[in-house]
Amino acid sequence: MKTVEVLATSASLVASSAAAESFGDIIKMLLEGPSSIARRRDVVTVSRSLVECLVEMILVFEDLGDKDSVKNAFVLLNQFARVIPEFLLPHVKMLHAYLRSSTTPNQQQASVTEDDKNARLNEERITAAVVSILGLVIPHSVDPDLNLMAAIEGDLLILLSRRSLT
């Protein structure tokens, strides 16, 4: 089995909403619970590596066109953002790209197949995860790029107005 297939399977197993939230709770407990400093340091190191791997997975799955795995990876990243938002600060530009792509209107509305519905549902879940992640991460920015923040705000307003019109 290829590494990409293993990662996709692992992400899909953990990314169900209940499992993902439990995963986030476990990380939080390991970081905040009564454990040694060395153990916390290990959890932080592993968590940082997992965040970087998930970001890389998203890019690989995008290239493969596997939106379901992209969605699952974002669901897991959302849990890391909930517990350790600072780890996602270097990825705000990448997250903004997903927000921007969700504000672009979809031109193909003629015949909607089941695959189209699933793809649209995945896109909506990706967008929801990205909005949630940005909401958790941006408040931890120190000296943020004001142009990027303005662009994110603009795309959020477009997304909000589009959602309220449909």
N, C-alpha and C. Protein backbone atom coordinates (compact mmCIF):
# COMPACT_ATOMS: atom_id res chain seq x y z
N MET A 1 0.84 -1.17 0.00
CA MET A 1 0.00 0.00 0.00
C MET A 1 0.89 1.24 0.00
N LYS A 2 0.58 2.20 -0.86
CA LYS A 2 1.36 3.42 -0.96
C LYS A 2 1.18 4.27 0.29
N THR A 3 2.18 5.08 0.57
CA THR A 3 2.12 5.97 1.73
C THR A 3 0.92 6.90 1.65
N VAL A 4 0.63 7.42 0.45
CA VAL A 4 -0.50 8.33 0.28
C VAL A 4 -1.80 7.63 0.64
N GLU A 5 -1.95 6.36 0.24
CA GLU A 5 -3.16 5.61 0.55
C GLU A 5 -3.29 5.38 2.05
N VAL A 6 -2.18 5.09 2.71
CA VAL A 6 -2.18 4.88 4.15
C VAL A 6 -2.59 6.17 4.86
N LEU A 7 -2.02 7.29 4.42
CA LEU A 7 -2.36 8.57 5.03
C LEU A 7 -3.83 8.92 4.81
N ALA A 8 -4.33 8.66 3.61
CA ALA A 8 -5.74 8.96 3.32
C ALA A 8 -6.66 8.12 4.19
N THR A 9 -6.33 6.83 4.33
CA THR A 9 -7.14 5.95 5.16
C THR A 9 -7.09 6.38 6.62
N SER A 10 -5.91 6.72 7.11
CA SER A 10 -5.77 7.16 8.50
C SER A 10 -6.55 8.43 8.74
N ALA A 11 -6.45 9.38 7.82
CA ALA A 11 -7.16 10.65 7.99
C ALA A 11 -8.66 10.43 7.98
N SER A 12 -9.14 9.55 7.11
CA SER A 12 -10.59 9.33 7.04
C SER A 12 -11.11 8.62 8.29
N LEU A 13 -10.29 7.77 8.90
CA LEU A 13 -10.72 7.09 10.12
C LEU A 13 -10.85 8.06 11.29
N VAL A 14 -9.92 8.98 11.39
CA VAL A 14 -9.90 9.89 12.53
C VAL A 14 -10.80 11.10 12.29
N ALA A 15 -11.13 11.40 11.04
CA ALA A 15 -11.79 12.65 10.72
C ALA A 15 -13.31 12.65 10.89
N SER A 16 -13.90 11.55 11.29
CA SER A 16 -15.32 11.64 11.60
C SER A 16 -15.44 12.64 12.73
N SER A 17 -16.52 13.38 12.79
CA SER A 17 -16.59 14.51 13.71
C SER A 17 -16.34 14.11 15.17
N ALA A 18 -16.92 13.02 15.61
CA ALA A 18 -16.74 12.60 17.00
C ALA A 18 -15.30 12.17 17.25
N ALA A 19 -14.73 11.41 16.31
CA ALA A 19 -13.35 10.94 16.47
C ALA A 19 -12.38 12.11 16.42
N ALA A 20 -12.63 13.05 15.52
CA ALA A 20 -11.73 14.21 15.40
C ALA A 20 -11.76 15.04 16.68
N GLU A 21 -12.94 15.25 17.22
CA GLU A 21 -13.04 16.04 18.46
C GLU A 21 -12.36 15.30 19.61
N SER A 22 -12.52 13.99 19.67
CA SER A 22 -11.84 13.20 20.71
C SER A 22 -10.33 13.29 20.54
N PHE A 23 -9.87 13.27 19.30
CA PHE A 23 -8.45 13.39 19.00
C PHE A 23 -7.92 14.72 19.55
N GLY A 24 -8.65 15.79 19.28
CA GLY A 24 -8.26 17.10 19.80
C GLY A 24 -8.27 17.13 21.31
N ASP A 25 -9.27 16.50 21.92
CA ASP A 25 -9.35 16.45 23.38
C ASP A 25 -8.17 15.69 23.98
N ILE A 26 -7.76 14.62 23.32
CA ILE A 26 -6.61 13.84 23.81
C ILE A 26 -5.35 14.68 23.78
N ILE A 27 -5.12 15.38 22.68
CA ILE A 27 -3.93 16.23 22.58
C ILE A 27 -3.96 17.30 23.67
N LYS A 28 -5.12 17.92 23.86
CA LYS A 28 -5.25 18.96 24.88
C LYS A 28 -4.97 18.39 26.27
N MET A 29 -5.49 17.19 26.55
CA MET A 29 -5.28 16.56 27.84
C MET A 29 -3.79 16.25 28.05
N LEU A 30 -3.12 15.77 26.99
CA LEU A 30 -1.70 15.46 27.11
C LEU A 30 -0.87 16.72 27.37
N LEU A 31 -1.29 17.83 26.80
CA LEU A 31 -0.55 19.07 26.99
C LEU A 31 -0.84 19.74 28.33
N GLU A 32 -2.08 19.63 28.79
CA GLU A 32 -2.47 20.35 30.00
C GLU A 32 -2.53 19.47 31.25
N GLY A 33 -2.50 18.17 31.06
CA GLY A 33 -2.63 17.26 32.19
C GLY A 33 -1.38 17.22 33.04
N PRO A 34 -1.46 16.47 34.14
CA PRO A 34 -0.32 16.35 35.05
C PRO A 34 0.74 15.41 34.49
N SER A 35 1.56 15.92 33.60
CA SER A 35 2.62 15.09 33.04
C SER A 35 3.94 15.84 33.12
N SER A 36 5.00 15.13 32.85
CA SER A 36 6.32 15.74 32.96
C SER A 36 6.55 16.74 31.82
N ILE A 37 7.49 17.61 32.03
CA ILE A 37 7.84 18.60 31.01
C ILE A 37 8.37 17.91 29.77
N ALA A 38 9.14 16.85 29.96
CA ALA A 38 9.68 16.11 28.81
C ALA A 38 8.55 15.51 27.98
N ARG A 39 7.54 14.99 28.65
CA ARG A 39 6.41 14.39 27.93
C ARG A 39 5.65 15.46 27.14
N ARG A 40 5.44 16.61 27.76
CA ARG A 40 4.77 17.71 27.05
C ARG A 40 5.59 18.14 25.85
N ARG A 41 6.89 18.21 26.02
CA ARG A 41 7.78 18.59 24.92
C ARG A 41 7.65 17.59 23.78
N ASP A 42 7.57 16.31 24.12
CA ASP A 42 7.39 15.28 23.09
C ASP A 42 6.05 15.44 22.38
N VAL A 43 4.99 15.73 23.13
CA VAL A 43 3.67 15.92 22.53
C VAL A 43 3.69 17.13 21.59
N VAL A 44 4.34 18.20 22.01
CA VAL A 44 4.45 19.39 21.16
C VAL A 44 5.21 19.07 19.88
N THR A 45 6.31 18.35 20.00
CA THR A 45 7.12 18.00 18.83
C THR A 45 6.33 17.13 17.86
N VAL A 46 5.66 16.13 18.39
CA VAL A 46 4.86 15.24 17.54
C VAL A 46 3.69 16.00 16.92
N SER A 47 3.05 16.85 17.70
CA SER A 47 1.92 17.63 17.18
C SER A 47 2.36 18.56 16.06
N ARG A 48 3.50 19.21 16.22
CA ARG A 48 4.02 20.09 15.18
C ARG A 48 4.30 19.29 13.90
N SER A 49 4.88 18.11 14.06
CA SER A 49 5.16 17.25 12.90
C SER A 49 3.86 16.81 12.22
N LEU A 50 2.87 16.47 13.02
CA LEU A 50 1.58 16.06 12.45
C LEU A 50 0.91 17.19 11.68
N VAL A 51 0.99 18.41 12.20
CA VAL A 51 0.42 19.56 11.49
C VAL A 51 1.12 19.73 10.15
N GLU A 52 2.43 19.66 10.15
CA GLU A 52 3.18 19.82 8.89
C GLU A 52 2.84 18.69 7.91
N CYS A 53 2.71 17.47 8.42
CA CYS A 53 2.33 16.34 7.55
C CYS A 53 0.93 16.53 6.98
N LEU A 54 0.00 16.99 7.78
CA LEU A 54 -1.36 17.22 7.30
C LEU A 54 -1.40 18.29 6.22
N VAL A 55 -0.61 19.35 6.40
CA VAL A 55 -0.55 20.40 5.37
C VAL A 55 0.01 19.83 4.08
N GLU A 56 1.07 19.04 4.18
CA GLU A 56 1.63 18.40 2.99
C GLU A 56 0.63 17.44 2.35
N MET A 57 -0.10 16.69 3.20
CA MET A 57 -1.12 15.77 2.68
C MET A 57 -2.17 16.53 1.88
N ILE A 58 -2.58 17.67 2.37
CA ILE A 58 -3.59 18.46 1.67
C ILE A 58 -3.11 18.80 0.26
N LEU A 59 -1.86 19.22 0.16
CA LEU A 59 -1.32 19.58 -1.16
C LEU A 59 -1.23 18.37 -2.08
N VAL A 60 -0.82 17.23 -1.54
CA VAL A 60 -0.74 16.01 -2.34
C VAL A 60 -2.13 15.57 -2.78
N PHE A 61 -3.08 15.57 -1.86
CA PHE A 61 -4.44 15.14 -2.21
C PHE A 61 -5.10 16.11 -3.18
N GLU A 62 -4.76 17.38 -3.11
CA GLU A 62 -5.27 18.34 -4.09
C GLU A 62 -4.77 17.97 -5.48
N ASP A 63 -3.48 17.65 -5.57
CA ASP A 63 -2.91 17.25 -6.87
C ASP A 63 -3.57 15.99 -7.40
N LEU A 64 -3.96 15.09 -6.50
CA LEU A 64 -4.61 13.84 -6.91
C LEU A 64 -6.11 14.03 -7.15
N GLY A 65 -6.64 15.17 -6.75
CA GLY A 65 -8.08 15.42 -6.91
C GLY A 65 -8.93 14.70 -5.88
N ASP A 66 -8.34 14.32 -4.76
CA ASP A 66 -9.05 13.57 -3.71
C ASP A 66 -9.59 14.55 -2.67
N LYS A 67 -10.73 15.16 -2.97
CA LYS A 67 -11.32 16.18 -2.10
C LYS A 67 -11.78 15.61 -0.76
N ASP A 68 -12.17 14.34 -0.73
CA ASP A 68 -12.60 13.73 0.51
C ASP A 68 -11.44 13.68 1.51
N SER A 69 -10.26 13.31 1.03
CA SER A 69 -9.09 13.27 1.91
C SER A 69 -8.64 14.68 2.29
N VAL A 70 -8.80 15.64 1.38
CA VAL A 70 -8.49 17.04 1.71
C VAL A 70 -9.39 17.49 2.86
N LYS A 71 -10.68 17.18 2.74
CA LYS A 71 -11.65 17.55 3.79
C LYS A 71 -11.25 16.92 5.12
N ASN A 72 -10.91 15.63 5.10
CA ASN A 72 -10.54 14.93 6.33
C ASN A 72 -9.30 15.56 6.97
N ALA A 73 -8.33 15.93 6.15
CA ALA A 73 -7.12 16.56 6.69
C ALA A 73 -7.45 17.91 7.32
N PHE A 74 -8.35 18.68 6.69
CA PHE A 74 -8.75 19.96 7.27
C PHE A 74 -9.51 19.77 8.58
N VAL A 75 -10.31 18.74 8.68
CA VAL A 75 -11.02 18.46 9.93
C VAL A 75 -10.02 18.21 11.05
N LEU A 76 -8.96 17.46 10.75
CA LEU A 76 -7.94 17.20 11.76
C LEU A 76 -7.15 18.47 12.09
N LEU A 77 -6.82 19.26 11.06
CA LEU A 77 -6.12 20.52 11.31
C LEU A 77 -6.95 21.43 12.20
N ASN A 78 -8.25 21.38 12.03
CA ASN A 78 -9.13 22.19 12.87
C ASN A 78 -8.97 21.82 14.34
N GLN A 79 -8.78 20.54 14.63
CA GLN A 79 -8.58 20.12 16.01
C GLN A 79 -7.26 20.62 16.55
N PHE A 80 -6.22 20.59 15.72
CA PHE A 80 -4.94 21.16 16.16
C PHE A 80 -5.07 22.66 16.39
N ALA A 81 -5.82 23.34 15.52
CA ALA A 81 -6.01 24.78 15.68
C ALA A 81 -6.75 25.08 16.98
N ARG A 82 -7.63 24.19 17.37
CA ARG A 82 -8.39 24.36 18.61
C ARG A 82 -7.47 24.25 19.82
N VAL A 83 -6.47 23.38 19.75
CA VAL A 83 -5.61 23.10 20.89
C VAL A 83 -4.30 23.91 20.84
N ILE A 84 -3.66 23.95 19.68
CA ILE A 84 -2.38 24.64 19.53
C ILE A 84 -2.43 25.50 18.27
N PRO A 85 -3.15 26.60 18.30
CA PRO A 85 -3.35 27.40 17.09
C PRO A 85 -2.05 27.99 16.51
N GLU A 86 -1.06 28.20 17.34
CA GLU A 86 0.20 28.78 16.87
C GLU A 86 0.88 27.93 15.80
N PHE A 87 0.64 26.63 15.82
CA PHE A 87 1.27 25.75 14.83
C PHE A 87 0.76 26.00 13.42
N LEU A 88 -0.40 26.60 13.30
CA LEU A 88 -0.96 26.86 11.98
C LEU A 88 -0.70 28.28 11.48
N LEU A 89 -0.08 29.12 12.29
CA LEU A 89 0.23 30.48 11.86
C LEU A 89 1.04 30.54 10.56
N PRO A 90 2.03 29.67 10.37
CA PRO A 90 2.78 29.73 9.11
C PRO A 90 1.95 29.35 7.88
N HIS A 91 0.77 28.83 8.09
CA HIS A 91 -0.03 28.32 6.97
C HIS A 91 -1.26 29.17 6.67
N VAL A 92 -1.31 30.38 7.22
CA VAL A 92 -2.48 31.24 7.00
C VAL A 92 -2.67 31.56 5.52
N LYS A 93 -1.58 31.79 4.79
CA LYS A 93 -1.70 32.08 3.35
C LYS A 93 -2.30 30.90 2.61
N MET A 94 -1.87 29.69 2.94
CA MET A 94 -2.42 28.50 2.30
C MET A 94 -3.90 28.36 2.64
N LEU A 95 -4.25 28.61 3.88
CA LEU A 95 -5.66 28.54 4.29
C LEU A 95 -6.48 29.59 3.55
N HIS A 96 -5.91 30.77 3.37
CA HIS A 96 -6.61 31.83 2.64
C HIS A 96 -6.89 31.41 1.20
N ALA A 97 -5.97 30.67 0.61
CA ALA A 97 -6.18 30.20 -0.77
C ALA A 97 -7.44 29.33 -0.84
N TYR A 98 -7.68 28.52 0.17
CA TYR A 98 -8.89 27.69 0.18
C TYR A 98 -10.13 28.54 0.42
N LEU A 99 -10.00 29.56 1.20
CA LEU A 99 -11.12 30.47 1.42
C LEU A 99 -11.44 31.21 0.13
N ARG A 100 -10.41 31.65 -0.57
CA ARG A 100 -10.59 32.37 -1.82
C ARG A 100 -11.24 31.48 -2.87
N SER A 101 -10.81 30.21 -2.95
CA SER A 101 -11.39 29.32 -3.96
C SER A 101 -12.86 29.05 -3.68
N SER A 102 -13.26 29.12 -2.42
CA SER A 102 -14.67 28.87 -2.09
C SER A 102 -15.55 30.08 -2.37
N THR A 103 -14.93 31.26 -2.60
CA THR A 103 -15.72 32.45 -2.92
C THR A 103 -15.87 32.63 -4.42
N THR A 104 -15.19 31.79 -5.20
CA THR A 104 -15.32 31.86 -6.65
C THR A 104 -16.60 31.16 -7.06
N PRO A 105 -17.45 31.81 -7.84
CA PRO A 105 -18.71 31.17 -8.22
C PRO A 105 -18.49 29.94 -9.09
N ASN A 106 -19.35 28.95 -8.90
CA ASN A 106 -19.31 27.73 -9.68
C ASN A 106 -20.15 27.93 -10.93
N GLN A 107 -19.53 27.77 -12.10
CA GLN A 107 -20.22 28.05 -13.36
C GLN A 107 -21.07 26.88 -13.84
N GLN A 108 -20.81 25.67 -13.38
CA GLN A 108 -21.54 24.51 -13.88
C GLN A 108 -22.74 24.22 -12.99
N GLN A 109 -23.90 24.67 -13.40
CA GLN A 109 -25.11 24.48 -12.62
C GLN A 109 -26.17 23.67 -13.38
N ALA A 110 -25.88 23.27 -14.63
CA ALA A 110 -26.90 22.67 -15.50
C ALA A 110 -27.47 21.38 -14.91
N SER A 111 -26.74 20.29 -14.99
CA SER A 111 -27.24 19.02 -14.46
C SER A 111 -26.38 18.61 -13.27
N VAL A 112 -27.02 18.36 -12.17
CA VAL A 112 -26.31 18.04 -10.94
C VAL A 112 -26.40 16.54 -10.70
N THR A 113 -25.24 15.87 -10.74
CA THR A 113 -25.18 14.44 -10.49
C THR A 113 -24.90 14.20 -9.01
N GLU A 114 -24.95 12.96 -8.62
CA GLU A 114 -24.64 12.60 -7.23
C GLU A 114 -23.19 12.94 -6.90
N ASP A 115 -22.29 12.72 -7.86
CA ASP A 115 -20.88 13.09 -7.64
C ASP A 115 -20.73 14.59 -7.44
N ASP A 116 -21.51 15.37 -8.21
CA ASP A 116 -21.48 16.83 -8.06
C ASP A 116 -21.95 17.23 -6.67
N LYS A 117 -22.99 16.58 -6.18
CA LYS A 117 -23.51 16.88 -4.85
C LYS A 117 -22.48 16.56 -3.78
N ASN A 118 -21.82 15.39 -3.92
CA ASN A 118 -20.78 15.01 -2.96
C ASN A 118 -19.61 15.97 -3.01
N ALA A 119 -19.22 16.37 -4.22
CA ALA A 119 -18.12 17.32 -4.36
C ALA A 119 -18.48 18.66 -3.73
N ARG A 120 -19.69 19.11 -3.94
CA ARG A 120 -20.14 20.38 -3.36
C ARG A 120 -20.19 20.29 -1.84
N LEU A 121 -20.64 19.15 -1.32
CA LEU A 121 -20.68 18.95 0.13
C LEU A 121 -19.27 18.96 0.71
N ASN A 122 -18.33 18.28 0.03
CA ASN A 122 -16.94 18.31 0.48
C ASN A 122 -16.39 19.73 0.47
N GLU A 123 -16.69 20.48 -0.60
CA GLU A 123 -16.22 21.87 -0.68
C GLU A 123 -16.79 22.70 0.47
N GLU A 124 -18.05 22.50 0.79
CA GLU A 124 -18.66 23.24 1.89
C GLU A 124 -18.01 22.88 3.22
N ARG A 125 -17.71 21.61 3.41
CA ARG A 125 -17.07 21.19 4.66
C ARG A 125 -15.64 21.70 4.75
N ILE A 126 -14.94 21.72 3.61
CA ILE A 126 -13.59 22.28 3.58
C ILE A 126 -13.65 23.76 3.94
N THR A 127 -14.58 24.47 3.33
CA THR A 127 -14.73 25.90 3.62
C THR A 127 -15.04 26.13 5.09
N ALA A 128 -15.95 25.34 5.65
CA ALA A 128 -16.30 25.48 7.07
C ALA A 128 -15.09 25.23 7.96
N ALA A 129 -14.30 24.21 7.63
CA ALA A 129 -13.11 23.90 8.42
C ALA A 129 -12.09 25.04 8.32
N VAL A 130 -11.90 25.57 7.11
CA VAL A 130 -10.94 26.66 6.91
C VAL A 130 -11.38 27.90 7.68
N VAL A 131 -12.65 28.24 7.62
CA VAL A 131 -13.16 29.40 8.36
C VAL A 131 -12.93 29.20 9.86
N SER A 132 -13.22 28.01 10.35
CA SER A 132 -13.02 27.71 11.76
C SER A 132 -11.54 27.81 12.14
N ILE A 133 -10.67 27.24 11.31
CA ILE A 133 -9.23 27.29 11.59
C ILE A 133 -8.75 28.74 11.63
N LEU A 134 -9.13 29.51 10.61
CA LEU A 134 -8.71 30.91 10.58
C LEU A 134 -9.21 31.67 11.81
N GLY A 135 -10.43 31.38 12.22
CA GLY A 135 -10.98 32.04 13.41
C GLY A 135 -10.22 31.71 14.68
N LEU A 136 -9.64 30.53 14.73
CA LEU A 136 -8.86 30.11 15.89
C LEU A 136 -7.42 30.59 15.83
N VAL A 137 -6.87 30.70 14.62
CA VAL A 137 -5.45 30.98 14.44
C VAL A 137 -5.14 32.48 14.38
N ILE A 138 -5.92 33.23 13.64
CA ILE A 138 -5.61 34.65 13.41
C ILE A 138 -5.48 35.46 14.70
N PRO A 139 -6.30 35.22 15.73
CA PRO A 139 -6.10 36.00 16.97
C PRO A 139 -4.73 35.81 17.61
N HIS A 140 -4.00 34.77 17.23
CA HIS A 140 -2.68 34.52 17.79
C HIS A 140 -1.56 35.11 16.94
N SER A 141 -1.93 35.80 15.85
CA SER A 141 -0.94 36.42 14.98
C SER A 141 -0.28 37.59 15.70
N VAL A 142 1.03 37.65 15.56
CA VAL A 142 1.79 38.77 16.08
C VAL A 142 2.30 39.54 14.87
N ASP A 143 1.96 40.80 14.80
CA ASP A 143 2.34 41.66 13.68
C ASP A 143 1.94 41.03 12.34
N PRO A 144 0.63 40.81 12.15
CA PRO A 144 0.17 40.14 10.92
C PRO A 144 0.31 41.04 9.69
N ASP A 145 0.35 40.40 8.54
CA ASP A 145 0.36 41.10 7.26
C ASP A 145 -1.02 41.72 7.07
N LEU A 146 -1.08 43.04 7.12
CA LEU A 146 -2.38 43.72 7.06
C LEU A 146 -3.07 43.52 5.72
N ASN A 147 -2.30 43.41 4.64
CA ASN A 147 -2.90 43.15 3.33
C ASN A 147 -3.57 41.78 3.30
N LEU A 148 -2.90 40.79 3.89
CA LEU A 148 -3.48 39.44 3.96
C LEU A 148 -4.73 39.45 4.83
N MET A 149 -4.68 40.14 5.95
CA MET A 149 -5.86 40.20 6.83
C MET A 149 -7.04 40.88 6.13
N ALA A 150 -6.75 41.94 5.36
CA ALA A 150 -7.82 42.62 4.61
C ALA A 150 -8.39 41.71 3.53
N ALA A 151 -7.52 40.94 2.87
CA ALA A 151 -7.99 40.01 1.84
C ALA A 151 -8.85 38.91 2.46
N ILE A 152 -8.43 38.39 3.60
CA ILE A 152 -9.22 37.36 4.29
C ILE A 152 -10.57 37.93 4.70
N GLU A 153 -10.56 39.13 5.24
CA GLU A 153 -11.82 39.77 5.64
C GLU A 153 -12.75 39.94 4.44
N GLY A 154 -12.19 40.39 3.32
CA GLY A 154 -13.00 40.57 2.11
C GLY A 154 -13.59 39.27 1.61
N ASP A 155 -12.77 38.21 1.61
CA ASP A 155 -13.27 36.91 1.15
C ASP A 155 -14.32 36.34 2.11
N LEU A 156 -14.15 36.59 3.39
CA LEU A 156 -15.17 36.15 4.36
C LEU A 156 -16.48 36.89 4.14
N LEU A 157 -16.40 38.18 3.83
CA LEU A 157 -17.62 38.94 3.56
C LEU A 157 -18.31 38.44 2.29
N ILE A 158 -17.53 38.14 1.26
CA ILE A 158 -18.10 37.59 0.02
C ILE A 158 -18.77 36.26 0.31
N LEU A 159 -18.07 35.42 1.05
CA LEU A 159 -18.61 34.10 1.40
C LEU A 159 -19.90 34.25 2.21
N LEU A 160 -19.89 35.14 3.16
CA LEU A 160 -21.07 35.36 3.99
C LEU A 160 -22.25 35.88 3.17
N SER A 161 -21.98 36.82 2.29
CA SER A 161 -23.08 37.36 1.47
C SER A 161 -23.60 36.32 0.49
N ARG A 162 -22.72 35.49 -0.04
CA ARG A 162 -23.15 34.44 -0.96
C ARG A 162 -23.99 33.40 -0.23
N ARG A 163 -23.60 33.06 0.99
CA ARG A 163 -24.35 32.07 1.78
C ARG A 163 -25.72 32.61 2.17
N SER A 164 -25.79 33.90 2.46
CA SER A 164 -27.08 34.45 2.89
C SER A 164 -28.03 34.63 1.71
N LEU A 165 -27.51 34.68 0.49
CA LEU A 165 -28.36 34.82 -0.69
C LEU A 165 -28.89 33.49 -1.20
N THR A 166 -28.26 32.39 -0.81
CA THR A 166 -28.72 31.08 -1.30
C THR A 166 -29.64 30.41 -0.33
